[in-house]
């Protein structure tokens, strides 16, 4: 019986070692065969934004006892492009235990985005700091809708550089025409 309990204890310790990592990048990479690159994360909501080649992915991670854990159970990914202007992504998703999240990016090597703004139909403007030309944010308190109807409530989103100049603008009406 003691040998069995020792075996179970060793197995539990080893399985824990296999799923926890000292860095977020290592935890996410453990789920992929191709190289990934973490480009943004939200520590409060434990969300990570990373690239798998050209695919942009947002997923939920865990941080306990100084170690990171990640699996793809709660992740969303997409590729995007644009026929005119820079490729600009705006997306809204619900994550269990976290809530409704808005995220997006402008893909460009020529500009560094300082901040994003989302302009809502009700006149409100949500300002979000950028990291590596991406953003992650919670739904604003005035927005009490499901993610499925998020796009019906916004007019556009704008990415600005450090000088306050518009780098690009995502227009909901343009998306509806395509």
Protein backbone atom coordinates (compact mmCIF):
# COMPACT_ATOMS: atom_id res chain seq x y z
CA UNK A 1 0.00 0.00 0.00
CA UNK A 2 2.84 2.44 0.84
CA UNK A 3 4.46 1.70 -2.49
CA UNK A 4 1.19 2.49 -4.27
CA UNK A 5 0.79 5.80 -2.37
CA UNK A 6 4.40 6.71 -3.15
CA UNK A 7 3.79 5.95 -6.83
CA UNK A 8 0.64 8.11 -6.87
CA UNK A 9 2.47 10.98 -5.11
CA UNK A 10 5.39 10.84 -7.58
CA UNK A 11 2.97 10.69 -10.51
CA UNK A 12 1.06 13.72 -9.20
CA UNK A 13 4.28 15.68 -8.76
CA UNK A 14 5.56 14.78 -12.21
CA UNK A 15 2.27 15.56 -13.93
CA UNK A 16 2.24 18.97 -12.22
CA UNK A 17 5.77 19.63 -13.47
CA UNK A 18 4.70 18.86 -17.02
CA UNK A 19 1.89 21.40 -17.06
CA UNK A 20 3.44 24.36 -15.22
CA UNK A 21 6.10 26.59 -16.75
CA UNK A 22 8.29 29.42 -15.49
CA UNK A 23 7.21 31.75 -18.33
CA UNK A 24 3.95 32.46 -20.08
CA UNK A 25 5.59 32.00 -23.48
CA UNK A 26 6.77 28.48 -22.52
CA UNK A 27 3.31 27.54 -21.22
CA UNK A 28 1.64 28.64 -24.47
CA UNK A 29 4.37 27.07 -26.64
CA UNK A 30 3.72 23.72 -24.92
CA UNK A 31 0.41 23.54 -26.83
CA UNK A 32 1.89 24.19 -30.28
CA UNK A 33 4.25 22.40 -32.66
CA UNK A 34 5.03 25.60 -34.56
CA UNK A 35 6.80 28.53 -32.86
CA UNK A 36 4.52 31.09 -31.20
CA UNK A 37 5.21 34.62 -30.00
CA UNK A 38 3.44 36.19 -27.02
CA UNK A 39 2.80 39.85 -27.87
CA UNK A 40 0.35 41.00 -25.18
CA UNK A 41 -1.31 39.80 -22.01
CA UNK A 42 -3.83 41.01 -19.47
CA UNK A 43 -2.62 40.02 -15.99
CA UNK A 44 -5.90 40.94 -14.26
CA UNK A 45 -8.00 38.67 -16.46
CA UNK A 46 -5.19 36.20 -17.20
CA UNK A 47 -5.55 36.49 -20.96
CA UNK A 48 -2.69 36.07 -23.42
CA UNK A 49 -2.54 37.41 -26.99
CA UNK A 50 -0.05 35.59 -29.19
CA UNK A 51 0.85 34.82 -32.77
CA UNK A 52 1.12 31.40 -34.37
CA UNK A 53 2.67 32.39 -37.68
CA UNK A 54 -0.02 34.74 -39.10
CA UNK A 55 -2.84 33.63 -36.82
CA UNK A 56 -3.74 35.98 -33.94
CA UNK A 57 -4.91 34.06 -30.86
CA UNK A 58 -6.37 35.15 -27.53
CA UNK A 59 -6.54 32.56 -24.77
CA UNK A 60 -6.91 32.09 -21.03
CA UNK A 61 -3.96 31.13 -18.86
CA UNK A 62 -3.50 30.34 -15.18
CA UNK A 63 -0.79 31.70 -12.88
CA UNK A 64 -0.27 29.95 -9.56
CA UNK A 65 2.74 29.75 -7.27
CA UNK A 66 4.94 31.61 -9.73
CA UNK A 67 4.18 29.18 -12.59
CA UNK A 68 2.06 29.44 -15.73
CA UNK A 69 -0.38 26.91 -17.15
CA UNK A 70 -2.06 27.12 -20.54
CA UNK A 71 -4.33 24.99 -22.69
CA UNK A 72 -6.33 25.83 -25.79
CA UNK A 73 -9.75 25.08 -24.28
CA UNK A 74 -10.69 28.76 -24.06
CA UNK A 75 -8.94 30.34 -27.01
CA UNK A 76 -10.02 32.08 -30.19
CA UNK A 77 -7.86 32.62 -33.22
CA UNK A 78 -8.10 34.17 -36.63
CA UNK A 79 -6.16 35.54 -39.51
CA UNK A 80 -7.20 38.79 -41.15
CA UNK A 81 -6.27 40.99 -44.07
CA UNK A 82 -7.43 44.14 -45.80
CA UNK A 83 -7.99 45.12 -49.40
CA UNK A 84 -7.44 48.78 -48.53
CA UNK A 85 -5.40 50.14 -45.65
CA UNK A 86 -3.66 48.12 -42.98
CA UNK A 87 -5.15 44.84 -41.72
CA UNK A 88 -7.22 45.85 -38.67
CA UNK A 89 -8.91 43.34 -36.36
CA UNK A 90 -11.67 44.09 -33.86
CA UNK A 91 -13.20 41.08 -32.11
CA UNK A 92 -15.43 40.39 -29.11
CA UNK A 93 -15.61 37.09 -27.24
CA UNK A 94 -16.93 35.66 -24.00
CA UNK A 95 -14.51 33.75 -21.77
CA UNK A 96 -15.95 31.57 -19.01
CA UNK A 97 -15.02 32.91 -15.58
CA UNK A 98 -13.75 36.19 -17.07
CA UNK A 99 -16.58 37.76 -19.02
CA UNK A 100 -16.91 39.67 -22.28
CA UNK A 101 -13.64 40.82 -23.80
CA UNK A 102 -12.82 43.03 -26.79
CA UNK A 103 -9.49 42.54 -28.50
CA UNK A 104 -7.83 43.49 -31.72
CA UNK A 105 -4.76 44.53 -33.65
CA UNK A 106 -3.34 46.43 -36.55
CA UNK A 107 -0.70 44.45 -38.43
CA UNK A 108 2.11 46.70 -39.55
CA UNK A 109 5.88 46.83 -39.27
CA UNK A 110 5.92 50.49 -40.34
CA UNK A 111 3.98 52.01 -37.41
CA UNK A 112 3.82 51.55 -33.67
CA UNK A 113 0.32 51.91 -32.30
CA UNK A 114 0.18 53.84 -29.01
CA UNK A 115 -3.53 53.52 -28.33
CA UNK A 116 -6.82 52.40 -29.77
CA UNK A 117 -10.23 54.02 -29.50
CA UNK A 118 -13.56 52.30 -30.00
CA UNK A 119 -16.37 54.70 -30.94
CA UNK A 120 -19.84 53.54 -29.96
CA UNK A 121 -23.17 54.51 -31.49
CA UNK A 122 -24.27 56.09 -28.19
CA UNK A 123 -21.41 58.64 -28.47
CA UNK A 124 -19.15 57.00 -25.89
CA UNK A 125 -15.48 56.48 -26.72
CA UNK A 126 -13.43 53.73 -25.11
CA UNK A 127 -9.68 54.40 -25.06
CA UNK A 128 -7.31 51.44 -24.76
CA UNK A 129 -3.53 51.38 -24.45
CA UNK A 130 -1.78 49.33 -27.11
CA UNK A 131 0.99 46.79 -26.72
CA UNK A 132 2.78 45.51 -29.80
CA UNK A 133 -0.02 46.97 -31.95
CA UNK A 134 -2.67 44.92 -30.13
CA UNK A 135 -5.24 45.53 -27.40
CA UNK A 136 -7.22 43.53 -24.86
CA UNK A 137 -9.99 45.15 -22.81
CA UNK A 138 -13.20 44.39 -20.96
CA UNK A 139 -16.57 45.52 -22.21
CA UNK A 140 -17.23 49.04 -20.91
CA UNK A 141 -19.78 49.27 -18.08
CA UNK A 142 -22.36 51.02 -20.29
CA UNK A 143 -22.39 48.09 -22.72
CA UNK A 144 -24.82 45.52 -21.33
CA UNK A 145 -25.15 43.26 -24.35
CA UNK A 146 -23.91 39.84 -25.41
CA UNK A 147 -20.85 39.49 -27.61
CA UNK A 148 -23.07 38.33 -30.47
CA UNK A 149 -24.50 41.83 -30.89
CA UNK A 150 -21.34 43.80 -30.03
CA UNK A 151 -20.76 44.96 -33.60
CA UNK A 152 -24.24 46.46 -33.80
CA UNK A 153 -23.22 48.92 -31.06
CA UNK A 154 -19.97 50.29 -32.50
CA UNK A 155 -19.33 52.79 -35.26
CA UNK A 156 -15.59 52.38 -35.71
CA UNK A 157 -12.23 51.78 -34.08
CA UNK A 158 -9.13 53.90 -34.55
CA UNK A 159 -5.44 53.20 -34.00
CA UNK A 160 -3.18 56.14 -33.10
CA UNK A 161 0.60 56.47 -33.04
CA UNK A 162 2.63 58.15 -30.28
CA UNK A 163 2.11 61.57 -31.94
CA UNK A 164 -1.67 61.22 -31.86
CA UNK A 165 -1.84 60.71 -35.61
CA UNK A 166 -4.34 58.21 -36.98
CA UNK A 167 -2.53 55.13 -38.29
CA UNK A 168 -5.69 53.39 -39.49
CA UNK A 169 -9.42 53.25 -38.92
CA UNK A 170 -11.71 50.21 -38.82
CA UNK A 171 -15.17 51.13 -40.06
CA UNK A 172 -18.13 48.90 -39.22
CA UNK A 173 -20.03 50.08 -42.31
CA UNK A 174 -17.13 49.06 -44.56
CA UNK A 175 -17.15 45.61 -42.94
CA UNK A 176 -20.88 45.21 -43.63
CA UNK A 177 -20.41 45.99 -47.33
CA UNK A 178 -17.78 43.26 -47.82
